[in-house]
Full PDB file with SEQRES, HELIX, SHEET, SSBOND, CRYST1, ORIGX, SCALE, CONECT and MASTER records, all heavy atoms in Angstrom:
SEQRES   1 A   33  PRO ARG ALA ARG GLN VAL VAL GLY PRO GLU LEU ALA ASP          
SEQRES   2 A   33  ALA TYR GLY SER ALA PHE TRP VAL ALA PHE ALA LEU THR          
SEQRES   3 A   33  ALA LEU ILE LEU VAL PRO ALA                                  
HELIX    1 AA1 ARG A    2  ALA A   27  1                                  26    
HELIX    2 AA2 LEU A   28  LEU A   30  5                                   3    
CRYST1    1.000    1.000    1.000  90.00  90.00  90.00 P 1           1          
ORIGX1      1.000000  0.000000  0.000000        0.00000                         
ORIGX2      0.000000  1.000000  0.000000        0.00000                         
ORIGX3      0.000000  0.000000  1.000000        0.00000                         
SCALE1      1.000000  0.000000  0.000000        0.00000                         
SCALE2      0.000000  1.000000  0.000000        0.00000                         
SCALE3      0.000000  0.000000  1.000000        0.00000                         
ATOM      1  N   PRO A   1      16.254 -50.197  20.869  1.00  0.00           N  
ATOM      2  CA  PRO A   1      16.454 -50.270  22.385  1.00  0.00           C  
ATOM      3  C   PRO A   1      16.273 -48.945  23.019  1.00  0.00           C  
ATOM      4  O   PRO A   1      15.763 -48.956  24.110  1.00  0.00           O  
ATOM      5  CB  PRO A   1      17.965 -50.873  22.365  1.00  0.00           C  
ATOM      6  CG  PRO A   1      18.129 -51.543  21.160  1.00  0.00           C  
ATOM      7  CD  PRO A   1      17.217 -50.753  20.054  1.00  0.00           C  
ATOM      8  N   ARG A   2      16.682 -47.938  22.407  1.00  0.00           N  
ATOM      9  CA  ARG A   2      16.488 -46.582  23.042  1.00  0.00           C  
ATOM     10  C   ARG A   2      15.046 -46.265  23.213  1.00  0.00           C  
ATOM     11  O   ARG A   2      14.650 -45.734  24.207  1.00  0.00           O  
ATOM     12  CB  ARG A   2      17.265 -45.437  22.336  1.00  0.00           C  
ATOM     13  CG  ARG A   2      17.095 -44.114  22.811  1.00  0.00           C  
ATOM     14  CD  ARG A   2      17.928 -43.135  22.176  1.00  0.00           C  
ATOM     15  NE  ARG A   2      19.330 -43.376  22.296  1.00  0.00           N  
ATOM     16  CZ  ARG A   2      20.330 -42.570  21.818  1.00  0.00           C  
ATOM     17  NH1 ARG A   2      20.005 -41.468  21.119  1.00  0.00           N  
ATOM     18  NH2 ARG A   2      21.529 -42.911  22.046  1.00  0.00           N  
ATOM     19  N   ALA A   3      14.284 -46.509  22.165  1.00  0.00           N  
ATOM     20  CA  ALA A   3      12.795 -46.333  22.203  1.00  0.00           C  
ATOM     21  C   ALA A   3      12.161 -47.097  23.324  1.00  0.00           C  
ATOM     22  O   ALA A   3      11.238 -46.582  23.999  1.00  0.00           O  
ATOM     23  CB  ALA A   3      12.163 -46.535  20.827  1.00  0.00           C  
ATOM     24  N   ARG A   4      12.702 -48.369  23.378  1.00  0.00           N  
ATOM     25  CA  ARG A   4      12.109 -49.285  24.451  1.00  0.00           C  
ATOM     26  C   ARG A   4      12.293 -48.700  25.886  1.00  0.00           C  
ATOM     27  O   ARG A   4      11.429 -48.694  26.736  1.00  0.00           O  
ATOM     28  CB  ARG A   4      12.603 -50.731  24.378  1.00  0.00           C  
ATOM     29  CG  ARG A   4      12.289 -51.356  23.186  1.00  0.00           C  
ATOM     30  CD  ARG A   4      12.748 -52.964  23.284  1.00  0.00           C  
ATOM     31  NE  ARG A   4      12.670 -53.543  21.962  1.00  0.00           N  
ATOM     32  CZ  ARG A   4      13.702 -54.152  21.451  1.00  0.00           C  
ATOM     33  NH1 ARG A   4      14.938 -54.072  21.881  1.00  0.00           N  
ATOM     34  NH2 ARG A   4      13.607 -54.602  20.213  1.00  0.00           N  
ATOM     35  N   GLN A   5      13.371 -48.134  26.123  1.00  0.00           N  
ATOM     36  CA  GLN A   5      13.644 -47.518  27.508  1.00  0.00           C  
ATOM     37  C   GLN A   5      12.761 -46.353  27.713  1.00  0.00           C  
ATOM     38  O   GLN A   5      12.292 -46.150  28.866  1.00  0.00           O  
ATOM     39  CB  GLN A   5      15.167 -47.083  27.434  1.00  0.00           C  
ATOM     40  CG  GLN A   5      16.100 -48.138  27.439  1.00  0.00           C  
ATOM     41  CD  GLN A   5      17.574 -47.651  27.546  1.00  0.00           C  
ATOM     42  OE1 GLN A   5      17.753 -46.518  27.494  1.00  0.00           O  
ATOM     43  NE2 GLN A   5      18.520 -48.591  27.619  1.00  0.00           N  
ATOM     44  N   VAL A   6      12.345 -45.665  26.608  1.00  0.00           N  
ATOM     45  CA  VAL A   6      11.603 -44.400  26.925  1.00  0.00           C  
ATOM     46  C   VAL A   6      10.074 -44.948  27.010  1.00  0.00           C  
ATOM     47  O   VAL A   6       9.398 -44.376  27.998  1.00  0.00           O  
ATOM     48  CB  VAL A   6      11.720 -43.457  25.702  1.00  0.00           C  
ATOM     49  CG1 VAL A   6      10.716 -42.273  25.865  1.00  0.00           C  
ATOM     50  CG2 VAL A   6      13.086 -42.961  25.576  1.00  0.00           C  
ATOM     51  N   VAL A   7       9.632 -45.766  26.226  1.00  0.00           N  
ATOM     52  CA  VAL A   7       8.169 -46.141  26.265  1.00  0.00           C  
ATOM     53  C   VAL A   7       7.890 -47.424  26.954  1.00  0.00           C  
ATOM     54  O   VAL A   7       6.732 -47.833  26.970  1.00  0.00           O  
ATOM     55  CB  VAL A   7       7.662 -46.171  24.764  1.00  0.00           C  
ATOM     56  CG1 VAL A   7       7.937 -44.877  23.998  1.00  0.00           C  
ATOM     57  CG2 VAL A   7       8.317 -47.386  23.996  1.00  0.00           C  
ATOM     58  N   GLY A   8       8.835 -47.976  27.549  1.00  0.00           N  
ATOM     59  CA  GLY A   8       8.651 -49.259  28.292  1.00  0.00           C  
ATOM     60  C   GLY A   8       7.562 -49.383  29.347  1.00  0.00           C  
ATOM     61  O   GLY A   8       6.689 -50.351  29.070  1.00  0.00           O  
ATOM     62  N   PRO A   9       7.267 -48.407  30.197  1.00  0.00           N  
ATOM     63  CA  PRO A   9       6.215 -48.493  31.075  1.00  0.00           C  
ATOM     64  C   PRO A   9       4.829 -48.478  30.288  1.00  0.00           C  
ATOM     65  O   PRO A   9       4.068 -49.231  30.775  1.00  0.00           O  
ATOM     66  CB  PRO A   9       6.467 -47.217  31.911  1.00  0.00           C  
ATOM     67  CG  PRO A   9       7.889 -46.979  31.886  1.00  0.00           C  
ATOM     68  CD  PRO A   9       8.307 -47.323  30.509  1.00  0.00           C  
ATOM     69  N   GLU A  10       4.654 -47.614  29.366  1.00  0.00           N  
ATOM     70  CA  GLU A  10       3.550 -47.505  28.620  1.00  0.00           C  
ATOM     71  C   GLU A  10       3.216 -48.829  27.865  1.00  0.00           C  
ATOM     72  O   GLU A  10       2.123 -49.354  27.777  1.00  0.00           O  
ATOM     73  CB  GLU A  10       3.451 -46.356  27.652  1.00  0.00           C  
ATOM     74  CG  GLU A  10       3.342 -44.922  28.404  1.00  0.00           C  
ATOM     75  CD  GLU A  10       4.616 -44.497  29.008  1.00  0.00           C  
ATOM     76  OE1 GLU A  10       5.660 -45.143  28.695  1.00  0.00           O  
ATOM     77  OE2 GLU A  10       4.591 -43.566  29.745  1.00  0.00           O  
ATOM     78  N   LEU A  11       4.216 -49.359  27.232  1.00  0.00           N  
ATOM     79  CA  LEU A  11       4.153 -50.607  26.566  1.00  0.00           C  
ATOM     80  C   LEU A  11       3.811 -51.856  27.453  1.00  0.00           C  
ATOM     81  O   LEU A  11       3.051 -52.640  27.209  1.00  0.00           O  
ATOM     82  CB  LEU A  11       5.483 -50.897  25.744  1.00  0.00           C  
ATOM     83  CG  LEU A  11       5.473 -52.072  24.730  1.00  0.00           C  
ATOM     84  CD1 LEU A  11       4.187 -51.887  23.724  1.00  0.00           C  
ATOM     85  CD2 LEU A  11       6.811 -52.134  24.003  1.00  0.00           C  
ATOM     86  N   ALA A  12       4.375 -51.762  28.652  1.00  0.00           N  
ATOM     87  CA  ALA A  12       3.962 -52.888  29.510  1.00  0.00           C  
ATOM     88  C   ALA A  12       2.664 -52.803  29.995  1.00  0.00           C  
ATOM     89  O   ALA A  12       1.966 -53.711  30.060  1.00  0.00           O  
ATOM     90  CB  ALA A  12       5.008 -52.819  30.798  1.00  0.00           C  
ATOM     91  N   ASP A  13       1.965 -51.526  30.244  1.00  0.00           N  
ATOM     92  CA  ASP A  13       0.707 -51.529  30.570  1.00  0.00           C  
ATOM     93  C   ASP A  13      -0.282 -51.883  29.415  1.00  0.00           C  
ATOM     94  O   ASP A  13      -1.302 -52.497  29.734  1.00  0.00           O  
ATOM     95  CB  ASP A  13       0.421 -49.931  30.896  1.00  0.00           C  
ATOM     96  CG  ASP A  13       1.005 -49.592  32.234  1.00  0.00           C  
ATOM     97  OD1 ASP A  13       1.292 -50.414  33.015  1.00  0.00           O  
ATOM     98  OD2 ASP A  13       1.122 -48.257  32.510  1.00  0.00           O  
ATOM     99  N   ALA A  14       0.163 -51.721  28.242  1.00  0.00           N  
ATOM    100  CA  ALA A  14      -0.628 -52.060  27.050  1.00  0.00           C  
ATOM    101  C   ALA A  14      -0.551 -53.604  27.020  1.00  0.00           C  
ATOM    102  O   ALA A  14      -1.747 -54.134  26.745  1.00  0.00           O  
ATOM    103  CB  ALA A  14      -0.002 -51.517  25.778  1.00  0.00           C  
ATOM    104  N   TYR A  15       0.463 -54.221  27.292  1.00  0.00           N  
ATOM    105  CA  TYR A  15       0.328 -55.779  27.460  1.00  0.00           C  
ATOM    106  C   TYR A  15      -0.593 -56.246  28.495  1.00  0.00           C  
ATOM    107  O   TYR A  15      -1.248 -57.202  28.343  1.00  0.00           O  
ATOM    108  CB  TYR A  15       1.901 -56.322  27.615  1.00  0.00           C  
ATOM    109  CG  TYR A  15       2.698 -56.398  26.400  1.00  0.00           C  
ATOM    110  CD1 TYR A  15       3.677 -55.427  26.122  1.00  0.00           C  
ATOM    111  CD2 TYR A  15       2.471 -57.520  25.520  1.00  0.00           C  
ATOM    112  CE1 TYR A  15       4.529 -55.539  24.931  1.00  0.00           C  
ATOM    113  CE2 TYR A  15       3.321 -57.572  24.349  1.00  0.00           C  
ATOM    114  CZ  TYR A  15       4.243 -56.732  24.085  1.00  0.00           C  
ATOM    115  OH  TYR A  15       5.032 -56.908  22.952  1.00  0.00           O  
ATOM    116  N   GLY A  16      -0.466 -55.568  29.642  1.00  0.00           N  
ATOM    117  CA  GLY A  16      -1.428 -55.824  30.672  1.00  0.00           C  
ATOM    118  C   GLY A  16      -2.894 -55.904  30.272  1.00  0.00           C  
ATOM    119  O   GLY A  16      -3.727 -56.697  30.431  1.00  0.00           O  
ATOM    120  N   SER A  17      -3.289 -54.937  29.568  1.00  0.00           N  
ATOM    121  CA  SER A  17      -4.527 -54.658  28.941  1.00  0.00           C  
ATOM    122  C   SER A  17      -5.057 -55.769  27.963  1.00  0.00           C  
ATOM    123  O   SER A  17      -6.134 -56.299  28.127  1.00  0.00           O  
ATOM    124  CB  SER A  17      -4.789 -53.257  28.264  1.00  0.00           C  
ATOM    125  OG  SER A  17      -4.486 -52.157  29.265  1.00  0.00           O  
ATOM    126  N   ALA A  18      -4.022 -56.139  27.173  1.00  0.00           N  
ATOM    127  CA  ALA A  18      -4.269 -57.177  26.198  1.00  0.00           C  
ATOM    128  C   ALA A  18      -4.517 -58.479  26.927  1.00  0.00           C  
ATOM    129  O   ALA A  18      -5.271 -59.289  26.516  1.00  0.00           O  
ATOM    130  CB  ALA A  18      -3.113 -57.361  25.176  1.00  0.00           C  
ATOM    131  N   PHE A  19      -3.737 -58.770  28.001  1.00  0.00           N  
ATOM    132  CA  PHE A  19      -3.865 -59.945  28.780  1.00  0.00           C  
ATOM    133  C   PHE A  19      -5.231 -59.910  29.543  1.00  0.00           C  
ATOM    134  O   PHE A  19      -5.752 -61.126  29.852  1.00  0.00           O  
ATOM    135  CB  PHE A  19      -2.757 -60.235  29.618  1.00  0.00           C  
ATOM    136  CG  PHE A  19      -1.557 -60.880  28.974  1.00  0.00           C  
ATOM    137  CD1 PHE A  19      -0.377 -60.252  28.743  1.00  0.00           C  
ATOM    138  CD2 PHE A  19      -1.591 -62.201  28.668  1.00  0.00           C  
ATOM    139  CE1 PHE A  19       0.635 -60.829  28.082  1.00  0.00           C  
ATOM    140  CE2 PHE A  19      -0.626 -62.871  28.081  1.00  0.00           C  
ATOM    141  CZ  PHE A  19       0.605 -62.283  27.702  1.00  0.00           C  
ATOM    142  N   TRP A  20      -5.728 -58.866  29.914  1.00  0.00           N  
ATOM    143  CA  TRP A  20      -7.014 -58.784  30.482  1.00  0.00           C  
ATOM    144  C   TRP A  20      -8.150 -59.324  29.556  1.00  0.00           C  
ATOM    145  O   TRP A  20      -9.074 -60.098  29.917  1.00  0.00           O  
ATOM    146  CB  TRP A  20      -7.417 -57.426  30.879  1.00  0.00           C  
ATOM    147  CG  TRP A  20      -7.087 -56.995  32.326  1.00  0.00           C  
ATOM    148  CD1 TRP A  20      -6.151 -55.976  32.694  1.00  0.00           C  
ATOM    149  CD2 TRP A  20      -7.499 -57.686  33.528  1.00  0.00           C  
ATOM    150  NE1 TRP A  20      -6.008 -55.983  34.054  1.00  0.00           N  
ATOM    151  CE2 TRP A  20      -6.897 -57.042  34.494  1.00  0.00           C  
ATOM    152  CE3 TRP A  20      -8.291 -58.707  33.833  1.00  0.00           C  
ATOM    153  CZ2 TRP A  20      -7.008 -57.317  35.975  1.00  0.00           C  
ATOM    154  CZ3 TRP A  20      -8.538 -59.129  35.216  1.00  0.00           C  
ATOM    155  CH2 TRP A  20      -7.777 -58.391  36.128  1.00  0.00           C  
ATOM    156  N   VAL A  21      -7.993 -59.023  28.268  1.00  0.00           N  
ATOM    157  CA  VAL A  21      -8.916 -59.500  27.204  1.00  0.00           C  
ATOM    158  C   VAL A  21      -8.708 -61.144  27.079  1.00  0.00           C  
ATOM    159  O   VAL A  21      -9.678 -61.774  26.919  1.00  0.00           O  
ATOM    160  CB  VAL A  21      -8.526 -58.844  25.855  1.00  0.00           C  
ATOM    161  CG1 VAL A  21      -9.476 -59.392  24.730  1.00  0.00           C  
ATOM    162  CG2 VAL A  21      -8.924 -57.356  25.964  1.00  0.00           C  
ATOM    163  N   ALA A  22      -7.457 -61.505  27.153  1.00  0.00           N  
ATOM    164  CA  ALA A  22      -7.218 -62.963  27.073  1.00  0.00           C  
ATOM    165  C   ALA A  22      -7.696 -63.717  28.388  1.00  0.00           C  
ATOM    166  O   ALA A  22      -8.294 -64.723  28.167  1.00  0.00           O  
ATOM    167  CB  ALA A  22      -5.684 -63.164  27.012  1.00  0.00           C  
ATOM    168  N   PHE A  23      -7.706 -62.987  29.392  1.00  0.00           N  
ATOM    169  CA  PHE A  23      -8.302 -63.539  30.752  1.00  0.00           C  
ATOM    170  C   PHE A  23      -9.769 -63.698  30.419  1.00  0.00           C  
ATOM    171  O   PHE A  23     -10.427 -64.672  30.774  1.00  0.00           O  
ATOM    172  CB  PHE A  23      -8.019 -62.568  31.738  1.00  0.00           C  
ATOM    173  CG  PHE A  23      -8.548 -62.990  33.155  1.00  0.00           C  
ATOM    174  CD1 PHE A  23      -7.723 -63.886  33.870  1.00  0.00           C  
ATOM    175  CD2 PHE A  23      -9.673 -62.602  33.527  1.00  0.00           C  
ATOM    176  CE1 PHE A  23      -8.365 -64.219  35.131  1.00  0.00           C  
ATOM    177  CE2 PHE A  23     -10.300 -62.901  34.854  1.00  0.00           C  
ATOM    178  CZ  PHE A  23      -9.423 -63.819  35.655  1.00  0.00           C  
ATOM    179  N   ALA A  24     -10.453 -62.688  29.939  1.00  0.00           N  
ATOM    180  CA  ALA A  24     -11.898 -62.756  29.773  1.00  0.00           C  
ATOM    181  C   ALA A  24     -12.279 -63.788  28.716  1.00  0.00           C  
ATOM    182  O   ALA A  24     -13.275 -64.591  28.916  1.00  0.00           O  
ATOM    183  CB  ALA A  24     -12.404 -61.305  29.271  1.00  0.00           C  
ATOM    184  N   LEU A  25     -11.578 -63.910  27.566  1.00  0.00           N  
ATOM    185  CA  LEU A  25     -11.849 -64.992  26.578  1.00  0.00           C  
ATOM    186  C   LEU A  25     -11.671 -66.295  27.098  1.00  0.00           C  
ATOM    187  O   LEU A  25     -12.450 -67.119  26.777  1.00  0.00           O  
ATOM    188  CB  LEU A  25     -10.883 -64.704  25.314  1.00  0.00           C  
ATOM    189  CG  LEU A  25     -11.028 -63.415  24.561  1.00  0.00           C  
ATOM    190  CD1 LEU A  25      -9.994 -63.150  23.583  1.00  0.00           C  
ATOM    191  CD2 LEU A  25     -12.464 -63.397  23.765  1.00  0.00           C  
ATOM    192  N   THR A  26     -10.587 -66.383  28.092  1.00  0.00           N  
ATOM    193  CA  THR A  26     -10.504 -67.728  28.615  1.00  0.00           C  
ATOM    194  C   THR A  26     -11.653 -68.205  29.547  1.00  0.00           C  
ATOM    195  O   THR A  26     -12.117 -69.397  29.462  1.00  0.00           O  
ATOM    196  CB  THR A  26      -9.081 -67.796  29.447  1.00  0.00           C  
ATOM    197  OG1 THR A  26      -8.119 -67.461  28.550  1.00  0.00           O  
ATOM    198  CG2 THR A  26      -9.011 -69.126  30.075  1.00  0.00           C  
ATOM    199  N   ALA A  27     -12.155 -67.186  30.175  1.00  0.00           N  
ATOM    200  CA  ALA A  27     -13.327 -67.370  31.124  1.00  0.00           C  
ATOM    201  C   ALA A  27     -14.527 -67.899  30.304  1.00  0.00           C  
ATOM    202  O   ALA A  27     -15.412 -68.603  30.836  1.00  0.00           O  
ATOM    203  CB  ALA A  27     -13.706 -66.231  31.805  1.00  0.00           C  
ATOM    204  N   LEU A  28     -14.648 -67.339  29.071  1.00  0.00           N  
ATOM    205  CA  LEU A  28     -15.831 -67.770  28.216  1.00  0.00           C  
ATOM    206  C   LEU A  28     -15.798 -69.262  27.905  1.00  0.00           C  
ATOM    207  O   LEU A  28     -16.942 -69.850  27.515  1.00  0.00           O  
ATOM    208  CB  LEU A  28     -15.801 -66.885  26.941  1.00  0.00           C  
ATOM    209  CG  LEU A  28     -16.138 -65.469  26.935  1.00  0.00           C  
ATOM    210  CD1 LEU A  28     -15.972 -64.934  25.507  1.00  0.00           C  
ATOM    211  CD2 LEU A  28     -17.579 -65.289  27.447  1.00  0.00           C  
ATOM    212  N   ILE A  29     -14.791 -69.953  28.032  1.00  0.00           N  
ATOM    213  CA  ILE A  29     -14.736 -71.397  27.814  1.00  0.00           C  
ATOM    214  C   ILE A  29     -15.653 -72.160  28.757  1.00  0.00           C  
ATOM    215  O   ILE A  29     -16.135 -73.196  28.384  1.00  0.00           O  
ATOM    216  CB  ILE A  29     -13.326 -71.807  27.841  1.00  0.00           C  
ATOM    217  CG1 ILE A  29     -12.432 -71.146  26.974  1.00  0.00           C  
ATOM    218  CG2 ILE A  29     -13.316 -73.428  27.507  1.00  0.00           C  
ATOM    219  CD1 ILE A  29     -10.883 -71.542  27.039  1.00  0.00           C  
ATOM    220  N   LEU A  30     -15.905 -71.466  29.823  1.00  0.00           N  
ATOM    221  CA  LEU A  30     -16.795 -72.133  30.831  1.00  0.00           C  
ATOM    222  C   LEU A  30     -18.275 -72.351  30.288  1.00  0.00           C  
ATOM    223  O   LEU A  30     -18.910 -73.293  30.716  1.00  0.00           O  
ATOM    224  CB  LEU A  30     -16.820 -71.269  32.197  1.00  0.00           C  
ATOM    225  CG  LEU A  30     -15.665 -71.263  32.980  1.00  0.00           C  
ATOM    226  CD1 LEU A  30     -15.753 -70.226  34.054  1.00  0.00           C  
ATOM    227  CD2 LEU A  30     -15.283 -72.679  33.561  1.00  0.00           C  
ATOM    228  N   VAL A  31     -18.562 -71.545  29.316  1.00  0.00           N  
ATOM    229  CA  VAL A  31     -19.973 -71.659  28.799  1.00  0.00           C  
ATOM    230  C   VAL A  31     -20.248 -72.946  28.033  1.00  0.00           C  
ATOM    231  O   VAL A  31     -21.002 -73.794  28.386  1.00  0.00           O  
ATOM    232  CB  VAL A  31     -20.283 -70.450  27.889  1.00  0.00           C  
ATOM    233  CG1 VAL A  31     -21.693 -70.683  27.324  1.00  0.00           C  
ATOM    234  CG2 VAL A  31     -20.244 -69.137  28.640  1.00  0.00           C  
ATOM    235  N   PRO A  32     -19.311 -73.352  26.919  1.00  0.00           N  
ATOM    236  CA  PRO A  32     -19.532 -74.599  26.332  1.00  0.00           C  
ATOM    237  C   PRO A  32     -19.006 -75.857  27.188  1.00  0.00           C  
ATOM    238  O   PRO A  32     -19.570 -76.967  27.032  1.00  0.00           O  
ATOM    239  CB  PRO A  32     -18.680 -74.575  25.117  1.00  0.00           C  
ATOM    240  CG  PRO A  32     -17.666 -73.445  25.477  1.00  0.00           C  
ATOM    241  CD  PRO A  32     -18.352 -72.503  26.267  1.00  0.00           C  
ATOM    242  N   ALA A  33     -18.210 -75.495  28.237  1.00  0.00           N  
ATOM    243  CA  ALA A  33     -17.753 -76.675  29.006  1.00  0.00           C  
ATOM    244  C   ALA A  33     -18.893 -77.084  29.982  1.00  0.00           C  
ATOM    245  O   ALA A  33     -18.798 -78.309  30.296  1.00  0.00           O  
ATOM    246  CB  ALA A  33     -16.627 -76.103  29.976  1.00  0.00           C  
TER     247      ALA A  33                                                      
MASTER        0    0    0    2    0    0    0    6  246    1    0    3          
END                                                                             
């Protein structure tokens, strides 16, 4: 919990970047669709 308080903003940004990849992968479904 103490480490989360310190690195929380950086970790949240990292999740945001990972979801950008999920967003792009979801868009690819339009090709076979």
